[in-house]
Amino acid sequence: MEAYILRSFVFFSIFFSCDLNLILSPRPYAVVKESRELELTCQSNRSGGVYWFSTVDDHGSSFELGTGGGDYKYCVNQTKLVTIECRFEEPWTFKLTLLAPVHNQIIFCARTLNRVVSNSSTTIFIQVPVSTVTLSPLQSAVVDGKRINITCLTNDCRPPANITWFKGNSEITNQITSTKENRSTYLTRTISVLHYTGIGDDYGKEVYCRANNIEGKHVESNRYVINVTTIPIVRPEILLVECEDVSAKIFWTESSDHSSLNSSLPQTFLQISTENNAFVNCTYARIETNKSNFYIYEVINLKPNTKYRFKFMVSDGFKSDSMNIQTCFTDEEKVKSHKDENSMGPALGGAVGGALFLVLFVSVGVVTLYKRKQESRIKSTEVTSRAHYVEHPCPTTDQAYQEISSNQNTELQYKDYVDHLCPATDHPYQDVSNQIKDPENTLERIEYMEIPDTILTNEESHYHTLK
């Protein structure tokens, strides 16, 4: 539409002369609020002639809105969209009222006098006041030192609205970014973001925004109540440092406070230094413990016989806090002792292994020798027993019997026993036993001989004592 208006304006400029005495007001812009009527006035310092109002439609064609003047001083509406009022007093004045003005519409006023055409124009600007501005979020806790974004958003309006931020009764002038978003029908929406950083002193205060696009009028948003919280910062404290030969153990605990670092998540570093040197971050291994808030770190690859200092550093990237410092010395003697123990290890292992082998070898020999002696003793005992047993039941012919019992049953019993042990032709009792016929005439006779006690057994004693 603006292109059509521009072409029409060029057309009228070519065919009509511009008379500065012909004025259409207001110009160059006629501002009117949305849904309001707009009144335009066209007049000249010279009376006479014919006046007319016109505009350009969406297709670029010109059409008249109303006319007046001439010798008959007439005043005529050409459309129902407007009204025209004509005053023929010096100077002549023509008033045009637009009942439904359109934004960016161009209105022309022209006059012809003595075959000279003069014209003037103005552009209609329809104001759409900002009616609402919304703040979000409505409620949210902010951590002390942490940043959050609070947004104010206007409705579609014309011209674009300006947004001002307030905290309590004070205006906020920094940490604000605003953008304007063009919408349909030449409307604009304004977006403003406050990058607020939580401060403990702001607890309970209200934050809000104010928007205006028409002088003398504004709208305010809802209120955001600041709820600032703090997060305890863990601060490590070294209780004890124990140095060994090439390592150190750091025993430490932790406490919490609410000091104002700029970040809710500060970082903790274990640092180390030798005497008269700067502290640097070091690596460590954590040793597990079964106690809460008590920790053990181990640092290795240290130099022996050296003084070391340890401390913790807490930092958030902007500010750093140094904790207490503990000192210890690594021990050179332990290093030498470890070296000696390492050199004696192979020799000691070889000696112990040789001794165990020797003991095992001797033990096997002793056991073998013992078994052989036992076997020899058993064999010797068997041979001796057999010889002793045979010698006494079957003595030589010079040995006499000791006693012959008169009892026949006893006689028969021993007769069988003797016959079993010795052949009938060899033992001296054979004849005697054969002569015993009658139990009543049994000859009882006892002969004694000395037999060593050491070679008697129960059987042999029983054999030589016959009753």
Protein backbone atom coordinates (compact mmCIF):
# COMPACT_ATOMS: atom_id res chain seq x y z
CA MET A 1 0.00 0.00 0.00
CA GLU A 2 2.85 2.38 0.76
CA ALA A 3 4.16 1.88 -2.80
CA TYR A 4 0.78 2.91 -4.19
CA ILE A 5 0.66 5.94 -1.96
CA LEU A 6 4.16 6.93 -3.03
CA ARG A 7 3.26 6.66 -6.71
CA SER A 8 0.10 8.72 -6.19
CA PHE A 9 2.07 11.37 -4.35
CA VAL A 10 4.54 11.60 -7.24
CA PHE A 11 1.62 11.87 -9.71
CA PHE A 12 0.05 14.78 -7.84
CA SER A 13 3.40 16.46 -7.52
CA ILE A 14 3.92 16.38 -11.27
CA PHE A 15 0.51 17.68 -12.34
CA PHE A 16 -0.14 20.09 -9.49
CA SER A 17 1.96 22.92 -8.29
CA CYS A 18 2.76 23.05 -4.64
CA ASP A 19 1.45 26.17 -2.95
CA LEU A 20 2.97 26.71 0.46
CA ASN A 21 -0.06 28.81 1.37
CA LEU A 22 -2.24 25.69 1.20
CA ILE A 23 -1.77 23.76 4.40
CA LEU A 24 -3.27 20.40 5.48
CA SER A 25 -2.87 19.80 9.18
CA PRO A 26 -1.75 17.98 11.10
CA ARG A 27 1.22 17.07 8.97
CA PRO A 28 3.36 15.23 8.10
CA TYR A 29 1.68 12.69 10.39
CA ALA A 30 -1.80 12.74 11.74
CA VAL A 31 -1.73 10.67 14.90
CA VAL A 32 -4.88 9.17 16.30
CA LYS A 33 -5.57 6.47 18.84
CA GLU A 34 -7.05 3.22 17.76
CA SER A 35 -10.86 3.32 17.20
CA ARG A 36 -10.92 7.10 17.34
CA GLU A 37 -12.08 9.59 14.66
CA LEU A 38 -9.47 11.79 12.98
CA GLU A 39 -10.09 15.45 12.04
CA LEU A 40 -8.06 17.12 9.27
CA THR A 41 -8.10 20.83 8.30
CA CYS A 42 -7.20 22.33 4.96
CA GLN A 43 -6.95 26.12 4.47
CA SER A 44 -5.16 28.85 2.55
CA ASN A 45 -4.38 32.53 3.06
CA ARG A 46 -6.26 33.25 -0.16
CA SER A 47 -9.96 32.64 -0.44
CA GLY A 48 -11.62 31.36 -3.59
CA GLY A 49 -11.24 28.40 -5.81
CA VAL A 50 -12.42 24.84 -5.52
CA TYR A 51 -11.11 22.48 -2.71
CA TRP A 52 -11.26 18.72 -2.58
CA PHE A 53 -9.99 15.84 -0.38
CA SER A 54 -8.81 12.53 -1.84
CA THR A 55 -6.90 9.35 -0.99
CA VAL A 56 -5.49 6.26 -2.70
CA ASP A 57 -7.07 2.86 -2.28
CA ASP A 58 -5.28 -0.49 -1.93
CA HIS A 59 -5.12 -0.85 -5.70
CA GLY A 60 -3.37 2.49 -6.21
CA SER A 61 -6.40 4.32 -7.57
CA SER A 62 -7.31 7.82 -6.40
CA PHE A 63 -10.83 8.66 -5.30
CA GLU A 64 -12.39 11.75 -3.79
CA LEU A 65 -13.63 12.01 -0.22
CA GLY A 66 -15.34 15.42 -0.42
CA THR A 67 -15.38 18.82 -2.23
CA GLY A 68 -16.32 22.45 -1.52
CA GLY A 69 -15.96 26.10 -2.54
CA GLY A 70 -16.32 27.64 -5.95
CA ASP A 71 -18.50 30.52 -6.87
CA TYR A 72 -21.48 28.80 -5.26
CA LYS A 73 -19.62 27.92 -2.04
CA TYR A 74 -20.89 24.37 -1.93
CA CYS A 75 -19.78 21.55 0.47
CA VAL A 76 -20.39 17.87 -0.53
CA ASN A 77 -19.41 14.44 0.95
CA GLN A 78 -18.31 11.92 -1.62
CA THR A 79 -18.35 8.86 0.70
CA LYS A 80 -19.93 7.71 3.92
CA LEU A 81 -16.48 7.11 5.42
CA VAL A 82 -16.00 10.80 6.05
CA THR A 83 -17.80 14.07 6.85
CA ILE A 84 -16.84 17.46 5.45
CA GLU A 85 -17.43 20.88 6.92
CA CYS A 86 -16.87 24.09 4.97
CA ARG A 87 -16.38 27.58 6.42
CA PHE A 88 -16.35 30.42 3.95
CA GLU A 89 -14.99 33.10 6.19
CA GLU A 90 -11.69 34.72 5.59
CA PRO A 91 -9.68 32.64 5.14
CA TRP A 92 -11.69 29.75 3.79
CA THR A 93 -11.37 26.61 5.96
CA PHE A 94 -12.39 23.03 5.06
CA LYS A 95 -12.56 20.36 7.77
CA LEU A 96 -12.51 16.60 6.94
CA THR A 97 -13.40 14.02 9.61
CA LEU A 98 -12.35 10.41 8.99
CA LEU A 99 -14.81 8.11 10.75
CA ALA A 100 -12.59 5.01 10.42
CA PRO A 101 -9.04 6.08 9.77
CA VAL A 102 -6.56 3.55 8.47
CA HIS A 103 -2.97 3.35 9.62
CA ASN A 104 -0.46 4.66 7.04
CA GLN A 105 -3.25 6.07 4.87
CA ILE A 106 -2.31 9.26 2.96
CA ILE A 107 -4.90 12.07 2.73
CA PHE A 108 -4.53 14.80 0.08
CA CYS A 109 -6.03 18.31 0.04
CA ALA A 110 -5.94 20.20 -3.26
CA ARG A 111 -7.14 23.56 -4.55
CA THR A 112 -7.55 24.98 -8.03
CA LEU A 113 -7.58 28.76 -8.49
CA ASN A 114 -7.06 30.62 -11.71
CA ARG A 115 -6.11 27.33 -13.37
CA VAL A 116 -3.37 26.77 -10.78
CA VAL A 117 -3.57 23.61 -8.75
CA SER A 118 -2.05 23.48 -5.24
CA ASN A 119 -1.97 20.46 -2.90
CA SER A 120 -0.85 19.25 0.52
CA SER A 121 -0.87 15.81 2.19
CA THR A 122 -0.46 14.02 5.50
CA THR A 123 -0.02 10.40 6.64
CA ILE A 124 -2.27 8.84 9.21
CA PHE A 125 -0.58 7.14 12.16
CA ILE A 126 -2.91 5.17 14.41
CA GLN A 127 -1.64 4.62 17.92
CA VAL A 128 -2.29 1.26 19.58
CA PRO A 129 -1.48 1.79 23.25
CA VAL A 130 0.25 -0.91 25.29
CA SER A 131 -2.37 -2.43 27.53
CA THR A 132 -0.63 -5.30 29.30
CA VAL A 133 2.88 -6.22 30.38
CA THR A 134 3.56 -9.61 31.89
CA LEU A 135 6.46 -10.58 34.18
CA SER A 136 7.77 -14.13 34.47
CA PRO A 137 8.55 -16.12 36.48
CA LEU A 138 6.19 -15.03 39.19
CA GLN A 139 8.07 -16.61 42.06
CA SER A 140 11.40 -18.38 42.26
CA ALA A 141 14.17 -18.63 44.80
CA VAL A 142 17.54 -17.25 43.70
CA VAL A 143 20.81 -18.39 45.21
CA ASP A 144 23.02 -15.68 46.64
CA GLY A 145 25.57 -14.84 43.95
CA LYS A 146 23.76 -16.74 41.22
CA ARG A 147 22.17 -15.10 38.16
CA ILE A 148 18.63 -15.61 36.95
CA ASN A 149 16.63 -14.04 34.10
CA ILE A 150 13.36 -12.21 34.70
CA THR A 151 11.34 -11.34 31.58
CA CYS A 152 8.80 -8.62 30.83
CA LEU A 153 6.60 -8.96 27.71
CA THR A 154 4.16 -6.41 26.32
CA ASN A 155 1.16 -6.98 24.09
CA ASP A 156 1.19 -5.93 20.42
CA CYS A 157 1.16 -2.17 20.23
CA ARG A 158 2.05 0.85 18.11
CA PRO A 159 4.50 2.48 18.48
CA PRO A 160 6.80 -0.02 20.24
CA ALA A 161 6.64 0.28 24.00
CA ASN A 162 9.54 1.24 26.23
CA ILE A 163 10.10 -0.89 29.36
CA THR A 164 11.61 0.36 32.60
CA TRP A 165 12.66 -1.93 35.49
CA PHE A 166 12.31 -1.22 39.19
CA LYS A 167 13.53 -2.88 42.39
CA GLY A 168 11.52 -1.53 45.24
CA ASN A 169 11.35 2.21 44.58
CA SER A 170 14.64 2.36 42.68
CA GLU A 171 15.01 2.18 38.93
CA ILE A 172 17.31 -0.50 37.49
CA THR A 173 19.44 0.80 34.64
CA ASN A 174 21.89 -2.02 33.94
CA GLN A 175 21.84 -5.74 33.18
CA ILE A 176 18.89 -5.26 30.82
CA THR A 177 18.44 -6.37 27.21
CA SER A 178 15.36 -5.38 25.15
CA THR A 179 14.17 -6.48 21.74
CA LYS A 180 11.22 -5.43 19.57
CA GLU A 181 9.36 -7.99 17.55
CA ASN A 182 7.33 -6.86 14.54
CA ARG A 183 3.91 -8.38 14.30
CA SER A 184 1.10 -8.21 11.73
CA THR A 185 -0.69 -4.93 10.83
CA TYR A 186 2.34 -2.84 11.74
CA LEU A 187 2.25 -3.79 15.41
CA THR A 188 5.24 -4.44 17.63
CA ARG A 189 5.83 -6.46 20.79
CA THR A 190 8.60 -5.51 23.22
CA ILE A 191 10.57 -8.10 25.18
CA SER A 192 12.88 -7.01 28.01
CA VAL A 193 15.07 -9.32 30.11
CA LEU A 194 16.59 -8.42 33.46
CA HIS A 195 19.72 -10.43 34.28
CA TYR A 196 19.44 -10.32 38.04
CA THR A 197 22.20 -11.51 40.36
CA GLY A 198 21.01 -12.53 43.82
CA ILE A 199 22.14 -10.37 46.73
CA GLY A 200 21.32 -11.22 50.31
CA ASP A 201 20.27 -7.62 51.10
CA ASP A 202 17.54 -7.84 48.41
CA TYR A 203 15.61 -10.50 50.29
CA GLY A 204 11.90 -9.62 50.36
CA LYS A 205 12.13 -6.74 47.87
CA GLU A 206 9.86 -6.53 44.84
CA VAL A 207 10.96 -6.41 41.22
CA TYR A 208 8.58 -5.22 38.50
CA CYS A 209 8.57 -3.50 35.11
CA ARG A 210 6.66 -0.59 33.60
CA ALA A 211 5.75 -0.14 29.90
CA ASN A 212 4.54 2.90 27.98
CA ASN A 213 4.22 3.93 24.34
CA ILE A 214 2.00 6.98 24.69
CA GLU A 215 3.26 9.98 26.56
CA GLY A 216 1.77 10.34 30.01
CA LYS A 217 0.38 6.82 30.15
CA HIS A 218 1.94 3.54 31.27
CA VAL A 219 1.09 0.08 32.57
CA GLU A 220 2.87 -1.95 35.26
CA SER A 221 3.51 -5.65 35.52
CA ASN A 222 2.83 -7.94 38.41
CA ARG A 223 5.42 -8.04 41.20
CA TYR A 224 8.25 -10.52 41.70
CA VAL A 225 9.24 -11.00 45.34
CA ILE A 226 12.97 -11.66 45.68
CA ASN A 227 13.74 -14.77 47.72
CA VAL A 228 17.50 -14.96 48.12
CA THR A 229 18.94 -18.16 49.60
CA THR A 230 22.50 -19.15 50.38
CA ILE A 231 24.24 -22.48 49.82
CA PRO A 232 26.76 -23.56 52.45
CA ILE A 233 30.28 -23.59 51.06
CA VAL A 234 32.32 -26.63 52.09
CA ARG A 235 35.68 -25.59 53.50
CA PRO A 236 38.26 -28.33 54.07
CA GLU A 237 40.55 -28.24 57.10
CA ILE A 238 43.73 -30.33 57.30
CA LEU A 239 44.03 -32.06 60.67
CA LEU A 240 47.28 -33.98 60.22
CA VAL A 241 49.90 -34.75 57.58
CA GLU A 242 52.06 -37.88 57.89
CA CYS A 243 55.08 -38.15 55.61
CA GLU A 244 56.73 -41.47 54.85
CA ASP A 245 59.66 -42.12 52.54
CA VAL A 246 58.23 -41.00 49.18
CA SER A 247 54.57 -40.41 50.06
CA ALA A 248 52.35 -38.47 52.43
CA LYS A 249 48.89 -38.97 53.91
CA ILE A 250 46.66 -35.97 54.51
CA PHE A 251 43.94 -36.37 57.16
CA TRP A 252 41.26 -33.69 56.84
CA THR A 253 37.69 -32.79 57.64
CA GLU A 254 35.24 -30.22 56.31
CA SER A 255 33.02 -27.46 57.63
CA SER A 256 30.34 -25.27 56.02
CA ASP A 257 29.73 -21.53 56.01
CA HIS A 258 27.72 -18.96 54.04
CA SER A 259 30.47 -16.62 52.89
CA SER A 260 29.78 -14.81 49.63
CA LEU A 261 31.53 -16.47 46.76
CA ASN A 262 30.06 -15.62 43.38
CA SER A 263 29.18 -19.20 42.51
CA SER A 264 27.06 -21.82 44.23
CA LEU A 265 29.47 -24.57 43.16
CA PRO A 266 33.04 -23.57 44.12
CA GLN A 267 35.90 -25.91 43.33
CA THR A 268 38.36 -27.32 45.87
CA PHE A 269 42.03 -28.05 45.10
CA LEU A 270 44.71 -29.79 47.16
CA GLN A 271 47.99 -27.92 46.74
CA ILE A 272 51.58 -28.80 47.56
CA SER A 273 54.89 -26.95 47.75
CA THR A 274 58.41 -27.50 48.89
CA GLU A 275 60.09 -24.98 51.15
CA ASN A 276 60.32 -21.47 49.66
CA ASN A 277 58.43 -22.52 46.51
CA ALA A 278 54.95 -21.57 45.33
CA PHE A 279 51.96 -23.83 45.87
CA VAL A 280 50.74 -25.87 42.90
CA ASN A 281 47.82 -28.26 42.46
CA CYS A 282 48.72 -31.91 43.04
CA THR A 283 47.13 -35.25 42.29
CA TYR A 284 46.13 -37.66 45.01
CA ALA A 285 44.39 -40.93 45.74
CA ARG A 286 41.49 -41.08 48.16
CA ILE A 287 41.60 -43.71 50.90
CA GLU A 288 38.16 -44.89 51.92
CA THR A 289 37.12 -44.44 55.56
CA ASN A 290 33.99 -45.42 57.46
CA LYS A 291 33.59 -42.03 59.12
CA SER A 292 31.56 -39.17 57.74
CA ASN A 293 33.20 -35.77 57.25
CA PHE A 294 36.63 -37.37 57.71
CA TYR A 295 38.82 -38.05 54.71
CA ILE A 296 42.31 -39.34 53.90
CA TYR A 297 44.23 -38.40 50.77
CA GLU A 298 47.53 -39.98 49.75
CA VAL A 299 50.12 -38.16 47.65
CA ILE A 300 52.88 -40.29 46.11
CA ASN A 301 56.11 -39.81 44.12
CA LEU A 302 57.61 -37.40 46.64
CA LYS A 303 61.33 -36.85 47.16
CA PRO A 304 62.94 -38.33 50.29
CA ASN A 305 64.40 -36.13 53.03
CA THR A 306 62.34 -33.11 51.85
CA LYS A 307 60.08 -30.67 53.63
CA TYR A 308 56.62 -30.45 52.07
CA ARG A 309 53.71 -28.10 52.76
CA PHE A 310 50.07 -28.91 52.01
CA LYS A 311 46.91 -26.78 51.91
CA PHE A 312 43.46 -26.65 50.32
CA MET A 313 42.30 -23.87 47.96
CA VAL A 314 38.59 -23.06 47.39
CA SER A 315 37.81 -20.99 44.30
CA ASP A 316 34.80 -19.99 42.19
CA GLY A 317 36.75 -18.48 39.29
CA PHE A 318 36.47 -14.95 40.68
CA LYS A 319 37.58 -15.29 44.27
CA SER A 320 39.82 -17.78 46.08
CA ASP A 321 40.12 -18.68 49.74
CA SER A 322 43.19 -20.43 51.13
CA MET A 323 42.81 -22.91 53.98
CA ASN A 324 45.27 -23.84 56.77
CA ILE A 325 48.78 -25.09 55.91
CA GLN A 326 50.35 -28.29 57.32
CA THR A 327 54.01 -29.37 56.99
CA CYS A 328 55.87 -32.67 57.11
CA PHE A 329 59.30 -34.21 56.19
CA THR A 330 59.82 -37.30 54.09
CA ASP A 331 62.21 -39.88 55.69
CA GLU A 332 65.44 -40.88 53.89
CA GLU A 333 66.21 -43.76 56.32
CA LYS A 334 63.05 -45.56 55.29
CA VAL A 335 64.19 -45.40 51.70
CA LYS A 336 67.54 -47.04 52.61
CA SER A 337 65.79 -49.64 54.73
CA HIS A 338 63.48 -50.50 51.86
CA LYS A 339 66.46 -50.84 49.53
CA ASP A 340 68.31 -53.17 51.98
CA GLU A 341 65.23 -55.28 52.43
CA ASN A 342 64.80 -55.52 48.71
CA SER A 343 68.45 -56.64 48.22
CA MET A 344 68.29 -59.26 51.03
CA GLY A 345 65.09 -60.72 49.74
CA PRO A 346 66.50 -62.99 46.99
CA ALA A 347 69.36 -64.27 49.18
CA LEU A 348 67.08 -64.97 52.11
CA GLY A 349 64.61 -66.71 49.86
CA GLY A 350 67.34 -68.96 48.43
CA ALA A 351 68.66 -69.87 51.87
CA VAL A 352 65.23 -70.74 53.20
CA GLY A 353 64.47 -72.80 50.12
CA GLY A 354 67.75 -74.76 50.45
CA ALA A 355 67.15 -75.44 54.13
CA LEU A 356 63.65 -76.72 53.46
CA PHE A 357 64.98 -79.03 50.74
CA LEU A 358 67.68 -80.40 53.07
CA VAL A 359 65.19 -81.03 55.88
CA LEU A 360 62.89 -82.81 53.46
CA PHE A 361 65.74 -84.99 52.15
CA VAL A 362 66.93 -85.98 55.65
CA SER A 363 63.36 -86.69 56.76
CA VAL A 364 62.81 -89.05 53.85
CA GLY A 365 66.12 -90.87 54.63
CA VAL A 366 65.31 -91.27 58.30
CA VAL A 367 61.85 -92.61 57.57
CA THR A 368 63.25 -95.09 55.03
CA LEU A 369 65.96 -96.30 57.43
CA TYR A 370 63.44 -96.67 60.25
CA LYS A 371 61.14 -98.76 58.09
CA ARG A 372 63.99 -101.05 57.08
CA LYS A 373 65.07 -101.58 60.71
CA GLN A 374 61.51 -102.37 61.67
CA GLU A 375 61.22 -104.91 58.92
CA SER A 376 64.55 -106.52 59.96
CA ARG A 377 63.49 -106.66 63.61
CA ILE A 378 60.18 -108.29 62.72
CA LYS A 379 61.93 -110.95 60.66
CA SER A 380 64.47 -111.65 63.41
CA THR A 381 61.70 -112.03 65.99
CA GLU A 382 59.85 -114.51 63.82
CA VAL A 383 62.95 -116.66 63.31
CA THR A 384 63.84 -116.63 67.04
CA SER A 385 60.30 -117.52 68.04
CA ARG A 386 60.17 -120.44 65.66
CA ALA A 387 63.51 -121.80 66.78
CA HIS A 388 62.65 -121.46 70.46
CA TYR A 389 59.34 -123.14 69.98
CA VAL A 390 60.72 -126.15 68.14
CA GLU A 391 63.67 -126.62 70.50
CA HIS A 392 61.68 -127.21 73.64
CA PRO A 393 58.77 -129.38 72.47
CA CYS A 394 61.21 -131.70 70.77
CA PRO A 395 64.23 -132.01 73.07
CA THR A 396 67.15 -134.43 72.59
CA THR A 397 67.05 -138.02 73.77
CA ASP A 398 69.04 -137.10 76.84
CA GLN A 399 66.31 -134.94 78.25
CA ALA A 400 63.83 -136.84 80.48
CA TYR A 401 60.23 -136.07 80.98
CA GLN A 402 59.27 -134.21 84.10
CA GLU A 403 55.97 -135.67 85.14
CA ILE A 404 53.43 -138.13 83.92
CA SER A 405 50.00 -137.77 85.24
CA SER A 406 48.07 -140.77 86.51
CA ASN A 407 44.98 -139.46 85.00
CA GLN A 408 44.13 -141.25 81.80
CA ASN A 409 42.40 -138.35 80.20
CA THR A 410 45.37 -136.15 80.85
CA GLU A 411 47.62 -138.89 79.54
CA LEU A 412 45.72 -139.17 76.29
CA GLN A 413 45.60 -135.41 75.91
CA TYR A 414 49.32 -135.00 76.21
CA LYS A 415 49.97 -138.03 74.16
CA ASP A 416 48.08 -136.48 71.29
CA TYR A 417 49.91 -133.23 71.78
CA VAL A 418 53.33 -134.84 71.77
CA ASP A 419 52.50 -137.01 68.80
CA HIS A 420 51.43 -133.97 66.93
CA LEU A 421 54.59 -132.06 67.64
CA CYS A 422 57.17 -134.79 67.15
CA PRO A 423 57.28 -138.05 65.24
CA ALA A 424 56.51 -141.13 67.22
CA THR A 425 59.99 -142.49 66.83
CA ASP A 426 61.75 -139.37 68.04
CA HIS A 427 60.26 -138.12 71.31
CA PRO A 428 61.22 -139.81 74.62
CA TYR A 429 57.70 -140.03 75.95
CA GLN A 430 56.43 -142.35 73.28
CA ASP A 431 57.37 -145.53 75.07
CA VAL A 432 56.12 -144.36 78.36
CA SER A 433 52.78 -143.41 76.97
CA ASN A 434 52.45 -146.75 75.31
CA GLN A 435 53.07 -148.60 78.57
CA ILE A 436 50.19 -146.85 80.31
CA LYS A 437 47.40 -149.34 79.97
CA ASP A 438 45.53 -149.24 83.20
CA PRO A 439 44.55 -146.04 84.87
CA GLU A 440 44.69 -147.67 88.27
CA ASN A 441 48.29 -148.81 87.96
CA THR A 442 49.52 -145.50 86.69
CA LEU A 443 53.14 -144.93 87.54
CA GLU A 444 53.66 -141.44 88.82
CA ARG A 445 57.17 -140.26 88.41
CA ILE A 446 58.62 -136.82 88.23
CA GLU A 447 61.99 -135.84 86.89
CA TYR A 448 63.32 -132.34 87.09
CA MET A 449 65.78 -130.50 85.03
CA GLU A 450 66.84 -126.86 85.00
CA ILE A 451 65.54 -124.74 82.16
CA PRO A 452 66.42 -121.03 81.92
CA ASP A 453 63.51 -118.71 82.63
CA THR A 454 64.35 -116.44 79.81
CA ILE A 455 63.43 -118.95 77.15
CA LEU A 456 60.24 -120.31 78.70
CA THR A 457 56.83 -119.51 77.47
CA ASN A 458 53.47 -120.40 78.94
CA GLU A 459 53.12 -123.26 76.50
CA GLU A 460 56.62 -124.56 77.17
CA SER A 461 56.16 -124.34 80.94
CA HIS A 462 52.92 -126.18 80.63
CA TYR A 463 54.59 -128.76 78.45
CA HIS A 464 57.39 -129.58 80.91
CA THR A 465 55.11 -129.71 83.97
CA LEU A 466 52.86 -132.70 83.75
CA LYS A 467 50.74 -133.72 86.64
